[in-house]
Each structure stands twice: as structure tokens, then as C-alpha cells.
Amino acid sequence: MGIVKISDPMHESLRLASQALSRSINAQAEHWMRIGMLAELHPQLNHSEICQLLIRAEQDGGLDIAALTGRGVSAKPATKAAAKVRA
């Protein structure tokens, strides 16, 4: 875990979104980072497809970025969702 510095306006946006979606501020920030990271890794996917990927990954044991990117050794096995994205 680390500390990430963000601007005051972004923190306010996080606070509002987290309250509206019943998440903690940290959980909301992590959600946005996950969506953004997957959007950059897979620009061919739209938001709905990225959300479906996250749901499938969770059903398969959780999102494994190393498996999705094909880099590094991961503690988790590659998910079916990762395989579908690579195809």
C-alpha cells in the first residue's frame, strides 16, 4: 500500500462518487484506477465490456493484472476473463 497525492478537485469528485455509490473514497479511487488501467490496456473495449470483464474476473477469483498484460509472475492463476480479453 502507498500514498497517492491527488488534487483537491479530484478528491471532492471521489468523495461525491463514493457517497453516491456506497463505496469508501479509497474503494472508489481504486475502481476508477482499475477501469482506467483496463481502458488503456484494451482500447478496443468500451466501458460496458470493461465492467463485464471485471465481473468475470471476480467470478474467476479476482482481477490479475499480470495475467491480463502477459507480464510478470502472478500469485493468482490467469483468469478465464483474461483469456477472453487476449483473444
PDB file of N, CA and C in Angstrom:
ATOM      1  N   MET A   1       0.848  -1.165   0.000  1.00  0.00           N
ATOM      2  CA  MET A   1       0.000   0.000   0.000  1.00  0.00           C
ATOM      3  C   MET A   1       0.894   1.228   0.000  1.00  0.00           C
ATOM      4  N   GLY A   2       0.431   2.269  -0.638  1.00  0.00           N
ATOM      5  CA  GLY A   2       1.187   3.502  -0.703  1.00  0.00           C
ATOM      6  C   GLY A   2       0.263   4.699  -0.617  1.00  0.00           C
ATOM      7  N   ILE A   3       0.868   5.844  -0.696  1.00  0.00           N
ATOM      8  CA  ILE A   3       0.110   7.088  -0.651  1.00  0.00           C
ATOM      9  C   ILE A   3       0.150   7.708  -2.030  1.00  0.00           C
ATOM     10  N   VAL A   4      -1.009   8.106  -2.513  1.00  0.00           N
ATOM     11  CA  VAL A   4      -1.116   8.764  -3.804  1.00  0.00           C
ATOM     12  C   VAL A   4      -1.665  10.160  -3.559  1.00  0.00           C
ATOM     13  N   LYS A   5      -0.945  11.160  -4.035  1.00  0.00           N
ATOM     14  CA  LYS A   5      -1.421  12.531  -3.883  1.00  0.00           C
ATOM     15  C   LYS A   5      -2.285  12.884  -5.076  1.00  0.00           C
ATOM     16  N   ILE A   6      -3.458  13.427  -4.784  1.00  0.00           N
ATOM     17  CA  ILE A   6      -4.367  13.867  -5.836  1.00  0.00           C
ATOM     18  C   ILE A   6      -4.802  15.299  -5.544  1.00  0.00           C
ATOM     19  N   SER A   7      -5.307  15.952  -6.565  1.00  0.00           N
ATOM     20  CA  SER A   7      -5.737  17.340  -6.410  1.00  0.00           C
ATOM     21  C   SER A   7      -6.995  17.422  -5.546  1.00  0.00           C
ATOM     22  N   ASP A   8      -7.217  18.588  -4.987  1.00  0.00           N
ATOM     23  CA  ASP A   8      -8.425  18.802  -4.185  1.00  0.00           C
ATOM     24  C   ASP A   8      -9.708  18.590  -5.003  1.00  0.00           C
ATOM     25  N   PRO A   9      -9.767  19.102  -6.249  1.00  0.00           N
ATOM     26  CA  PRO A   9     -10.990  18.849  -7.029  1.00  0.00           C
ATOM     27  C   PRO A   9     -11.234  17.348  -7.291  1.00  0.00           C
ATOM     28  N   MET A  10     -10.173  16.585  -7.543  1.00  0.00           N
ATOM     29  CA  MET A  10     -10.339  15.149  -7.761  1.00  0.00           C
ATOM     30  C   MET A  10     -10.795  14.474  -6.474  1.00  0.00           C
ATOM     31  N   HIS A  11     -10.249  14.899  -5.345  1.00  0.00           N
ATOM     32  CA  HIS A  11     -10.671  14.322  -4.060  1.00  0.00           C
ATOM     33  C   HIS A  11     -12.147  14.598  -3.810  1.00  0.00           C
ATOM     34  N   GLU A  12     -12.595  15.793  -4.152  1.00  0.00           N
ATOM     35  CA  GLU A  12     -14.007  16.125  -3.977  1.00  0.00           C
ATOM     36  C   GLU A  12     -14.876  15.250  -4.890  1.00  0.00           C
ATOM     37  N   SER A  13     -14.428  15.025  -6.124  1.00  0.00           N
ATOM     38  CA  SER A  13     -15.158  14.144  -7.038  1.00  0.00           C
ATOM     39  C   SER A  13     -15.217  12.721  -6.487  1.00  0.00           C
ATOM     40  N   LEU A  14     -14.106  12.251  -5.942  1.00  0.00           N
ATOM     41  CA  LEU A  14     -14.070  10.925  -5.317  1.00  0.00           C
ATOM     42  C   LEU A  14     -15.038  10.833  -4.149  1.00  0.00           C
ATOM     43  N   ARG A  15     -15.043  11.877  -3.323  1.00  0.00           N
ATOM     44  CA  ARG A  15     -15.923  11.886  -2.151  1.00  0.00           C
ATOM     45  C   ARG A  15     -17.382  11.805  -2.576  1.00  0.00           C
ATOM     46  N   LEU A  16     -17.762  12.631  -3.562  1.00  0.00           N
ATOM     47  CA  LEU A  16     -19.147  12.638  -4.026  1.00  0.00           C
ATOM     48  C   LEU A  16     -19.531  11.296  -4.654  1.00  0.00           C
ATOM     49  N   ALA A  17     -18.673  10.772  -5.522  1.00  0.00           N
ATOM     50  CA  ALA A  17     -18.968   9.491  -6.180  1.00  0.00           C
ATOM     51  C   ALA A  17     -19.023   8.357  -5.169  1.00  0.00           C
ATOM     52  N   SER A  18     -18.116   8.382  -4.200  1.00  0.00           N
ATOM     53  CA  SER A  18     -18.097   7.302  -3.216  1.00  0.00           C
ATOM     54  C   SER A  18     -19.367   7.301  -2.373  1.00  0.00           C
ATOM     55  N   GLN A  19     -19.856   8.475  -2.022  1.00  0.00           N
ATOM     56  CA  GLN A  19     -21.102   8.538  -1.256  1.00  0.00           C
ATOM     57  C   GLN A  19     -22.283   8.077  -2.102  1.00  0.00           C
ATOM     58  N   ALA A  20     -22.316   8.510  -3.351  1.00  0.00           N
ATOM     59  CA  ALA A  20     -23.436   8.148  -4.225  1.00  0.00           C
ATOM     60  C   ALA A  20     -23.463   6.649  -4.515  1.00  0.00           C
ATOM     61  N   LEU A  21     -22.299   6.020  -4.578  1.00  0.00           N
ATOM     62  CA  LEU A  21     -22.216   4.607  -4.936  1.00  0.00           C
ATOM     63  C   LEU A  21     -21.954   3.695  -3.740  1.00  0.00           C
ATOM     64  N   SER A  22     -22.062   4.249  -2.543  1.00  0.00           N
ATOM     65  CA  SER A  22     -21.899   3.479  -1.297  1.00  0.00           C
ATOM     66  C   SER A  22     -20.560   2.750  -1.231  1.00  0.00           C
ATOM     67  N   ARG A  23     -19.502   3.453  -1.608  1.00  0.00           N
ATOM     68  CA  ARG A  23     -18.142   2.926  -1.505  1.00  0.00           C
ATOM     69  C   ARG A  23     -17.330   3.874  -0.633  1.00  0.00           C
ATOM     70  N   SER A  24     -16.234   3.354  -0.107  1.00  0.00           N
ATOM     71  CA  SER A  24     -15.305   4.249   0.573  1.00  0.00           C
ATOM     72  C   SER A  24     -14.588   5.084  -0.491  1.00  0.00           C
ATOM     73  N   ILE A  25     -13.985   6.175  -0.074  1.00  0.00           N
ATOM     74  CA  ILE A  25     -13.225   7.003  -1.011  1.00  0.00           C
ATOM     75  C   ILE A  25     -12.116   6.172  -1.645  1.00  0.00           C
ATOM     76  N   ASN A  26     -11.422   5.373  -0.843  1.00  0.00           N
ATOM     77  CA  ASN A  26     -10.348   4.534  -1.389  1.00  0.00           C
ATOM     78  C   ASN A  26     -10.886   3.512  -2.378  1.00  0.00           C
ATOM     79  N   ALA A  27     -12.022   2.895  -2.067  1.00  0.00           N
ATOM     80  CA  ALA A  27     -12.608   1.913  -2.973  1.00  0.00           C
ATOM     81  C   ALA A  27     -13.033   2.572  -4.291  1.00  0.00           C
ATOM     82  N   GLN A  28     -13.561   3.781  -4.224  1.00  0.00           N
ATOM     83  CA  GLN A  28     -13.957   4.495  -5.440  1.00  0.00           C
ATOM     84  C   GLN A  28     -12.732   4.830  -6.284  1.00  0.00           C
ATOM     85  N   ALA A  29     -11.676   5.299  -5.644  1.00  0.00           N
ATOM     86  CA  ALA A  29     -10.442   5.617  -6.374  1.00  0.00           C
ATOM     87  C   ALA A  29      -9.876   4.362  -7.038  1.00  0.00           C
ATOM     88  N   GLU A  30      -9.869   3.253  -6.307  1.00  0.00           N
ATOM     89  CA  GLU A  30      -9.362   2.004  -6.872  1.00  0.00           C
ATOM     90  C   GLU A  30     -10.219   1.547  -8.054  1.00  0.00           C
ATOM     91  N   HIS A  31     -11.521   1.713  -7.943  1.00  0.00           N
ATOM     92  CA  HIS A  31     -12.432   1.353  -9.042  1.00  0.00           C
ATOM     93  C   HIS A  31     -12.081   2.165 -10.294  1.00  0.00           C
ATOM     94  N   TRP A  32     -11.951   3.475 -10.147  1.00  0.00           N
ATOM     95  CA  TRP A  32     -11.622   4.321 -11.294  1.00  0.00           C
ATOM     96  C   TRP A  32     -10.255   3.964 -11.871  1.00  0.00           C
ATOM     97  N   MET A  33      -9.292   3.657 -11.004  1.00  0.00           N
ATOM     98  CA  MET A  33      -7.963   3.278 -11.495  1.00  0.00           C
ATOM     99  C   MET A  33      -8.024   1.972 -12.277  1.00  0.00           C
ATOM    100  N   ARG A  34      -8.788   1.019 -11.774  1.00  0.00           N
ATOM    101  CA  ARG A  34      -8.936  -0.268 -12.454  1.00  0.00           C
ATOM    102  C   ARG A  34      -9.556  -0.072 -13.840  1.00  0.00           C
ATOM    103  N   ILE A  35     -10.637   0.716 -13.897  1.00  0.00           N
ATOM    104  CA  ILE A  35     -11.299   0.993 -15.171  1.00  0.00           C
ATOM    105  C   ILE A  35     -10.329   1.688 -16.129  1.00  0.00           C
ATOM    106  N   GLY A  36      -9.638   2.690 -15.642  1.00  0.00           N
ATOM    107  CA  GLY A  36      -8.702   3.434 -16.487  1.00  0.00           C
ATOM    108  C   GLY A  36      -7.555   2.574 -16.979  1.00  0.00           C
ATOM    109  N   MET A  37      -7.011   1.744 -16.111  1.00  0.00           N
ATOM    110  CA  MET A  37      -5.905   0.873 -16.492  1.00  0.00           C
ATOM    111  C   MET A  37      -6.357  -0.103 -17.569  1.00  0.00           C
ATOM    112  N   LEU A  38      -7.515  -0.708 -17.390  1.00  0.00           N
ATOM    113  CA  LEU A  38      -8.024  -1.651 -18.380  1.00  0.00           C
ATOM    114  C   LEU A  38      -8.363  -0.948 -19.690  1.00  0.00           C
ATOM    115  N   ALA A  39      -8.861   0.282 -19.619  1.00  0.00           N
ATOM    116  CA  ALA A  39      -9.155   1.044 -20.835  1.00  0.00           C
ATOM    117  C   ALA A  39      -7.876   1.332 -21.614  1.00  0.00           C
ATOM    118  N   GLU A  40      -6.786   1.622 -20.910  1.00  0.00           N
ATOM    119  CA  GLU A  40      -5.515   1.864 -21.591  1.00  0.00           C
ATOM    120  C   GLU A  40      -4.927   0.576 -22.152  1.00  0.00           C
ATOM    121  N   LEU A  41      -5.054  -0.523 -21.417  1.00  0.00           N
ATOM    122  CA  LEU A  41      -4.515  -1.803 -21.883  1.00  0.00           C
ATOM    123  C   LEU A  41      -5.329  -2.379 -23.042  1.00  0.00           C
ATOM    124  N   HIS A  42      -6.629  -2.094 -23.065  1.00  0.00           N
ATOM    125  CA  HIS A  42      -7.527  -2.673 -24.061  1.00  0.00           C
ATOM    126  C   HIS A  42      -8.427  -1.584 -24.655  1.00  0.00           C
ATOM    127  N   PRO A  43      -7.851  -0.701 -25.477  1.00  0.00           N
ATOM    128  CA  PRO A  43      -8.640   0.417 -26.015  1.00  0.00           C
ATOM    129  C   PRO A  43      -9.808  -0.017 -26.901  1.00  0.00           C
ATOM    130  N   GLN A  44      -9.796  -1.271 -27.349  1.00  0.00           N
ATOM    131  CA  GLN A  44     -10.888  -1.766 -28.184  1.00  0.00           C
ATOM    132  C   GLN A  44     -12.150  -2.045 -27.368  1.00  0.00           C
ATOM    133  N   LEU A  45     -12.042  -2.112 -26.036  1.00  0.00           N
ATOM    134  CA  LEU A  45     -13.193  -2.389 -25.181  1.00  0.00           C
ATOM    135  C   LEU A  45     -13.880  -1.092 -24.782  1.00  0.00           C
ATOM    136  N   ASN A  46     -15.211  -1.109 -24.746  1.00  0.00           N
ATOM    137  CA  ASN A  46     -15.934   0.047 -24.226  1.00  0.00           C
ATOM    138  C   ASN A  46     -16.158  -0.133 -22.721  1.00  0.00           C
ATOM    139  N   HIS A  47     -16.745   0.857 -22.082  1.00  0.00           N
ATOM    140  CA  HIS A  47     -16.929   0.820 -20.630  1.00  0.00           C
ATOM    141  C   HIS A  47     -17.735  -0.399 -20.198  1.00  0.00           C
ATOM    142  N   SER A  48     -18.794  -0.689 -20.909  1.00  0.00           N
ATOM    143  CA  SER A  48     -19.631  -1.839 -20.564  1.00  0.00           C
ATOM    144  C   SER A  48     -18.835  -3.137 -20.643  1.00  0.00           C
ATOM    145  N   GLU A  49     -18.014  -3.294 -21.673  1.00  0.00           N
ATOM    146  CA  GLU A  49     -17.206  -4.505 -21.818  1.00  0.00           C
ATOM    147  C   GLU A  49     -16.153  -4.607 -20.713  1.00  0.00           C
ATOM    148  N   ILE A  50     -15.601  -3.471 -20.310  1.00  0.00           N
ATOM    149  CA  ILE A  50     -14.629  -3.471 -19.211  1.00  0.00           C
ATOM    150  C   ILE A  50     -15.320  -3.897 -17.915  1.00  0.00           C
ATOM    151  N   CYS A  51     -16.530  -3.403 -17.669  1.00  0.00           N
ATOM    152  CA  CYS A  51     -17.265  -3.800 -16.470  1.00  0.00           C
ATOM    153  C   CYS A  51     -17.581  -5.289 -16.497  1.00  0.00           C
ATOM    154  N   GLN A  52     -17.949  -5.808 -17.665  1.00  0.00           N
ATOM    155  CA  GLN A  52     -18.198  -7.247 -17.790  1.00  0.00           C
ATOM    156  C   GLN A  52     -16.926  -8.040 -17.526  1.00  0.00           C
ATOM    157  N   LEU A  53     -15.796  -7.545 -18.015  1.00  0.00           N
ATOM    158  CA  LEU A  53     -14.510  -8.188 -17.759  1.00  0.00           C
ATOM    159  C   LEU A  53     -14.221  -8.227 -16.258  1.00  0.00           C
ATOM    160  N   LEU A  54     -14.470  -7.125 -15.560  1.00  0.00           N
ATOM    161  CA  LEU A  54     -14.234  -7.082 -14.120  1.00  0.00           C
ATOM    162  C   LEU A  54     -15.132  -8.066 -13.372  1.00  0.00           C
ATOM    163  N   ILE A  55     -16.375  -8.184 -13.799  1.00  0.00           N
ATOM    164  CA  ILE A  55     -17.291  -9.122 -13.150  1.00  0.00           C
ATOM    165  C   ILE A  55     -16.840 -10.557 -13.391  1.00  0.00           C
ATOM    166  N   ARG A  56     -16.481 -10.882 -14.636  1.00  0.00           N
ATOM    167  CA  ARG A  56     -15.994 -12.245 -14.928  1.00  0.00           C
ATOM    168  C   ARG A  56     -14.715 -12.539 -14.154  1.00  0.00           C
ATOM    169  N   ALA A  57     -13.822 -11.554 -14.083  1.00  0.00           N
ATOM    170  CA  ALA A  57     -12.570 -11.751 -13.347  1.00  0.00           C
ATOM    171  C   ALA A  57     -12.855 -12.016 -11.875  1.00  0.00           C
ATOM    172  N   GLU A  58     -13.800 -11.301 -11.302  1.00  0.00           N
ATOM    173  CA  GLU A  58     -14.156 -11.510  -9.894  1.00  0.00           C
ATOM    174  C   GLU A  58     -14.736 -12.907  -9.687  1.00  0.00           C
ATOM    175  N   GLN A  59     -15.565 -13.349 -10.610  1.00  0.00           N
ATOM    176  CA  GLN A  59     -16.130 -14.693 -10.520  1.00  0.00           C
ATOM    177  C   GLN A  59     -15.036 -15.760 -10.607  1.00  0.00           C
ATOM    178  N   ASP A  60     -13.968 -15.445 -11.329  1.00  0.00           N
ATOM    179  CA  ASP A  60     -12.860 -16.384 -11.509  1.00  0.00           C
ATOM    180  C   ASP A  60     -11.783 -16.249 -10.431  1.00  0.00           C
ATOM    181  N   GLY A  61     -12.028 -15.440  -9.418  1.00  0.00           N
ATOM    182  CA  GLY A  61     -11.071 -15.333  -8.326  1.00  0.00           C
ATOM    183  C   GLY A  61     -10.393 -13.992  -8.179  1.00  0.00           C
ATOM    184  N   GLY A  62     -10.744 -13.014  -8.998  1.00  0.00           N
ATOM    185  CA  GLY A  62     -10.185 -11.679  -8.853  1.00  0.00           C
ATOM    186  C   GLY A  62      -9.371 -11.249 -10.053  1.00  0.00           C
ATOM    187  N   LEU A  63      -9.247  -9.952 -10.221  1.00  0.00           N
ATOM    188  CA  LEU A  63      -8.513  -9.380 -11.335  1.00  0.00           C
ATOM    189  C   LEU A  63      -7.026  -9.603 -11.157  1.00  0.00           C
ATOM    190  N   ASP A  64      -6.390 -10.123 -12.177  1.00  0.00           N
ATOM    191  CA  ASP A  64      -4.958 -10.399 -12.162  1.00  0.00           C
ATOM    192  C   ASP A  64      -4.325  -9.594 -13.286  1.00  0.00           C
ATOM    193  N   ILE A  65      -3.807  -8.413 -12.955  1.00  0.00           N
ATOM    194  CA  ILE A  65      -3.253  -7.518 -13.964  1.00  0.00           C
ATOM    195  C   ILE A  65      -2.083  -8.172 -14.692  1.00  0.00           C
ATOM    196  N   ALA A  66      -1.248  -8.920 -13.971  1.00  0.00           N
ATOM    197  CA  ALA A  66      -0.109  -9.588 -14.616  1.00  0.00           C
ATOM    198  C   ALA A  66      -0.600 -10.542 -15.704  1.00  0.00           C
ATOM    199  N   ALA A  67      -1.678 -11.253 -15.453  1.00  0.00           N
ATOM    200  CA  ALA A  67      -2.218 -12.173 -16.456  1.00  0.00           C
ATOM    201  C   ALA A  67      -2.824 -11.407 -17.630  1.00  0.00           C
ATOM    202  N   LEU A  68      -3.481 -10.293 -17.336  1.00  0.00           N
ATOM    203  CA  LEU A  68      -4.097  -9.505 -18.403  1.00  0.00           C
ATOM    204  C   LEU A  68      -3.064  -8.884 -19.328  1.00  0.00           C
ATOM    205  N   THR A  69      -1.932  -8.517 -18.775  1.00  0.00           N
ATOM    206  CA  THR A  69      -0.904  -7.871 -19.583  1.00  0.00           C
ATOM    207  C   THR A  69       0.098  -8.858 -20.145  1.00  0.00           C
ATOM    208  N   GLY A  70       0.062 -10.090 -19.641  1.00  0.00           N
ATOM    209  CA  GLY A  70       1.022 -11.081 -20.100  1.00  0.00           C
ATOM    210  C   GLY A  70       2.422 -10.837 -19.560  1.00  0.00           C
ATOM    211  N   ARG A  71       2.530 -10.085 -18.459  1.00  0.00           N
ATOM    212  CA  ARG A  71       3.829  -9.735 -17.885  1.00  0.00           C
ATOM    213  C   ARG A  71       3.958 -10.301 -16.486  1.00  0.00           C
ATOM    214  N   GLY A  72       5.158 -10.629 -16.139  1.00  0.00           N
ATOM    215  CA  GLY A  72       5.468 -10.996 -14.767  1.00  0.00           C
ATOM    216  C   GLY A  72       4.880 -12.316 -14.323  1.00  0.00           C
ATOM    217  N   VAL A  73       5.233 -12.693 -13.114  1.00  0.00           N
ATOM    218  CA  VAL A  73       4.718 -13.908 -12.493  1.00  0.00           C
ATOM    219  C   VAL A  73       3.701 -13.477 -11.467  1.00  0.00           C
ATOM    220  N   SER A  74       2.561 -14.111 -11.464  1.00  0.00           N
ATOM    221  CA  SER A  74       1.489 -13.726 -10.566  1.00  0.00           C
ATOM    222  C   SER A  74       1.205 -14.816  -9.561  1.00  0.00           C
ATOM    223  N   ALA A  75       0.722 -14.410  -8.398  1.00  0.00           N
ATOM    224  CA  ALA A  75       0.334 -15.378  -7.377  1.00  0.00           C
ATOM    225  C   ALA A  75      -0.985 -16.045  -7.744  1.00  0.00           C
ATOM    226  N   LYS A  76      -1.803 -15.361  -8.547  1.00  0.00           N
ATOM    227  CA  LYS A  76      -3.095 -15.915  -8.937  1.00  0.00           C
ATOM    228  C   LYS A  76      -2.980 -16.530 -10.321  1.00  0.00           C
ATOM    229  N   PRO A  77      -3.728 -17.592 -10.576  1.00  0.00           N
ATOM    230  CA  PRO A  77      -3.737 -18.143 -11.924  1.00  0.00           C
ATOM    231  C   PRO A  77      -4.425 -17.178 -12.885  1.00  0.00           C
ATOM    232  N   ALA A  78      -4.075 -17.256 -14.148  1.00  0.00           N
ATOM    233  CA  ALA A  78      -4.757 -16.421 -15.149  1.00  0.00           C
ATOM    234  C   ALA A  78      -6.224 -16.768 -15.149  1.00  0.00           C
ATOM    235  N   THR A  79      -7.065 -15.745 -15.273  1.00  0.00           N
ATOM    236  CA  THR A  79      -8.500 -15.972 -15.229  1.00  0.00           C
ATOM    237  C   THR A  79      -9.045 -16.240 -16.626  1.00  0.00           C
ATOM    238  N   LYS A  80     -10.230 -16.811 -16.683  1.00  0.00           N
ATOM    239  CA  LYS A  80     -10.919 -17.008 -17.965  1.00  0.00           C
ATOM    240  C   LYS A  80     -11.165 -15.645 -18.596  1.00  0.00           C
ATOM    241  N   ALA A  81     -11.462 -14.637 -17.769  1.00  0.00           N
ATOM    242  CA  ALA A  81     -11.718 -13.303 -18.284  1.00  0.00           C
ATOM    243  C   ALA A  81     -10.488 -12.757 -18.980  1.00  0.00           C
ATOM    244  N   ALA A  82      -9.310 -13.010 -18.429  1.00  0.00           N
ATOM    245  CA  ALA A  82      -8.074 -12.545 -19.052  1.00  0.00           C
ATOM    246  C   ALA A  82      -7.879 -13.231 -20.400  1.00  0.00           C
ATOM    247  N   ALA A  83      -8.182 -14.483 -20.460  1.00  0.00           N
ATOM    248  CA  ALA A  83      -8.040 -15.228 -21.710  1.00  0.00           C
ATOM    249  C   ALA A  83      -8.984 -14.673 -22.777  1.00  0.00           C
ATOM    250  N   LYS A  84     -10.202 -14.302 -22.380  1.00  0.00           N
ATOM    251  CA  LYS A  84     -11.154 -13.765 -23.323  1.00  0.00           C
ATOM    252  C   LYS A  84     -10.687 -12.418 -23.855  1.00  0.00           C
ATOM    253  N   VAL A  85     -10.046 -11.607 -23.025  1.00  0.00           N
ATOM    254  CA  VAL A  85      -9.558 -10.303 -23.459  1.00  0.00           C
ATOM    255  C   VAL A  85      -8.425 -10.481 -24.448  1.00  0.00           C
ATOM    256  N   ARG A  86      -7.541 -11.450 -24.192  1.00  0.00           N
ATOM    257  CA  ARG A  86      -6.403 -11.672 -25.077  1.00  0.00           C
ATOM    258  C   ARG A  86      -6.829 -12.155 -26.452  1.00  0.00           C
ATOM    259  N   ALA A  87      -7.968 -12.842 -26.511  1.00  0.00           N
ATOM    260  CA  ALA A  87      -8.424 -13.427 -27.787  1.00  0.00           C
ATOM    261  C   ALA A  87      -8.891 -12.362 -28.767  1.00  0.00           C
TER     262      ALA A  87
END
